[in-house]
Protein backbone atom coordinates (compact mmCIF):
# COMPACT_ATOMS: atom_id res chain seq x y z
CA MET A 1 0.00 0.00 0.00
CA ALA A 2 1.35 3.44 -0.90
CA LYS A 3 2.13 5.79 1.99
CA LEU A 4 0.10 8.95 2.62
CA GLU A 5 2.39 11.98 2.85
CA THR A 6 1.50 15.18 4.68
CA PHE A 7 2.54 18.81 4.86
CA LYS A 8 2.29 21.42 7.63
CA ASN A 9 -1.02 23.27 7.90
CA ARG A 10 -0.24 27.00 7.87
CA TYR A 11 -3.70 27.83 9.19
CA GLN A 12 -3.70 25.67 12.30
CA GLY A 13 -6.18 27.07 14.79
CA ARG A 14 -8.72 27.96 12.09
CA GLU A 15 -11.27 25.24 11.44
CA TYR A 16 -11.78 24.71 7.73
CA GLU A 17 -12.86 21.68 5.76
CA ILE A 18 -11.01 20.01 2.92
CA GLU A 19 -13.12 17.94 0.52
CA ILE A 20 -11.49 15.59 -1.98
CA THR A 21 -13.24 13.45 -4.59
CA CYS A 22 -11.54 10.40 -6.10
CA PRO A 23 -13.84 9.37 -8.99
CA GLU A 24 -11.70 6.50 -10.33
CA PHE A 25 -11.37 4.20 -7.31
CA THR A 26 -11.06 0.50 -8.06
CA CYS A 27 -10.57 -2.53 -5.85
CA LEU A 28 -11.34 -6.22 -6.29
CA CYS A 29 -14.19 -8.25 -4.85
CA PRO A 30 -12.53 -10.67 -2.39
CA ILE A 31 -15.03 -13.40 -3.32
CA THR A 32 -15.14 -13.24 -7.13
CA GLY A 33 -11.98 -11.30 -7.96
CA GLN A 34 -14.09 -9.00 -10.16
CA PRO A 35 -13.33 -5.26 -10.11
CA ASP A 36 -15.44 -2.94 -8.00
CA PHE A 37 -15.59 0.71 -9.04
CA ALA A 38 -16.43 3.61 -6.74
CA VAL A 39 -16.26 7.31 -6.12
CA ILE A 40 -14.43 7.94 -2.84
CA ARG A 41 -15.28 11.23 -1.12
CA ILE A 42 -13.02 12.43 1.66
CA LYS A 43 -13.77 15.35 3.96
CA TYR A 44 -11.59 16.38 6.86
CA VAL A 45 -10.85 19.29 9.16
CA PRO A 46 -7.06 19.46 9.48
CA ASP A 47 -5.15 20.21 12.64
CA GLU A 48 -1.35 20.37 12.28
CA LEU A 49 -1.07 18.43 9.01
CA CYS A 50 -2.77 18.19 5.60
CA ILE A 51 -2.72 15.25 3.18
CA GLU A 52 -0.49 15.78 0.15
CA LEU A 53 -2.61 15.10 -2.94
CA LYS A 54 -0.11 13.25 -5.15
CA SER A 55 0.52 10.74 -2.38
CA LEU A 56 -3.26 10.39 -1.93
CA LYS A 57 -3.62 9.63 -5.64
CA LEU A 58 -0.93 6.94 -5.45
CA TYR A 59 -2.48 5.56 -2.26
CA ILE A 60 -5.95 5.35 -3.87
CA PHE A 61 -4.51 3.72 -7.02
CA SER A 62 -2.70 1.11 -4.90
CA TYR A 63 -6.07 -0.50 -4.10
CA ARG A 64 -6.52 -1.63 -7.72
CA ASN A 65 -5.17 -5.11 -7.03
CA VAL A 66 -6.46 -5.47 -3.48
CA GLY A 67 -9.37 -7.79 -2.71
CA GLU A 68 -11.47 -6.08 -0.07
CA PHE A 69 -15.11 -5.67 0.91
CA HIS A 70 -16.68 -2.21 0.40
CA GLU A 71 -17.24 -1.76 4.12
CA HIS A 72 -13.65 -2.62 5.00
CA VAL A 73 -11.95 -0.57 2.31
CA THR A 74 -13.92 2.56 3.24
CA ASN A 75 -13.03 2.20 6.92
CA LYS A 76 -9.39 1.40 6.10
CA ILE A 77 -9.07 4.60 4.05
CA LEU A 78 -10.50 6.58 6.99
CA ASP A 79 -8.11 4.85 9.43
CA ASP A 80 -5.11 5.65 7.22
CA ILE A 81 -6.12 9.31 6.84
CA VAL A 82 -6.58 9.67 10.61
CA GLU A 83 -3.22 8.00 11.26
CA ALA A 84 -1.41 10.16 8.68
CA CYS A 85 -2.69 13.65 9.53
CA LYS A 86 -4.54 13.33 12.87
CA PRO A 87 -7.45 15.57 11.82
CA ILE A 88 -10.03 17.16 14.07
CA ARG A 89 -12.79 15.40 12.11
CA ALA A 90 -12.86 13.20 9.02
CA GLU A 91 -15.37 11.39 6.87
CA VAL A 92 -14.93 8.93 4.00
CA ILE A 93 -17.79 7.92 1.74
CA GLY A 94 -17.38 4.99 -0.61
CA ASP A 95 -20.07 5.25 -3.31
CA PHE A 96 -19.72 1.94 -5.15
CA ASN A 97 -21.19 1.25 -8.59
CA VAL A 98 -24.04 -1.21 -9.01
CA ARG A 99 -22.82 -4.78 -9.32
CA GLY A 100 -25.09 -7.81 -9.33
CA GLY A 101 -28.11 -5.53 -8.99
CA ILE A 102 -26.93 -4.04 -5.69
CA LYS A 103 -25.56 -0.56 -4.98
CA THR A 104 -23.54 0.10 -1.84
CA VAL A 105 -22.70 3.42 -0.18
CA VAL A 106 -20.52 3.21 2.93
CA LYS A 107 -19.93 6.22 5.18
CA ALA A 108 -17.27 6.12 7.90
CA THR A 109 -16.68 9.05 10.26
CA TYR A 110 -14.11 10.10 12.84
CA SER A 111 -14.21 12.86 15.42
CA ARG A 112 -11.26 13.45 17.71
CA ASP A 113 -13.55 14.40 20.62
CA LYS A 114 -15.78 11.35 20.23
CA ASP A 115 -13.20 8.74 19.19
CA SER A 116 -10.38 9.67 21.56
CA LYS A 117 -12.30 8.81 24.72
């Protein structure tokens, strides 16, 4: 898995939201090996660090050959973002294309206040 890089937030102390859309996400179904396509939406409120976008692109592309369930991959992306930049709040939405007549949207959230207790 590619590593998420960060850079220093020059506006630490001001709460603002960063929203990133990754419209070409692909992973593999762990049961069938067939590709699953999704739009991954990431929102976070940075603290000291921000995610560097080229590293995010490489990280997202590194899932192309990974067999993982929709629920797990969405939560793993959130976990990796939280670990990399330690945001105040973060949300990842995995909006997966219809496959086999079923559409899945998975939303995982993190809040430092709620999750650090």
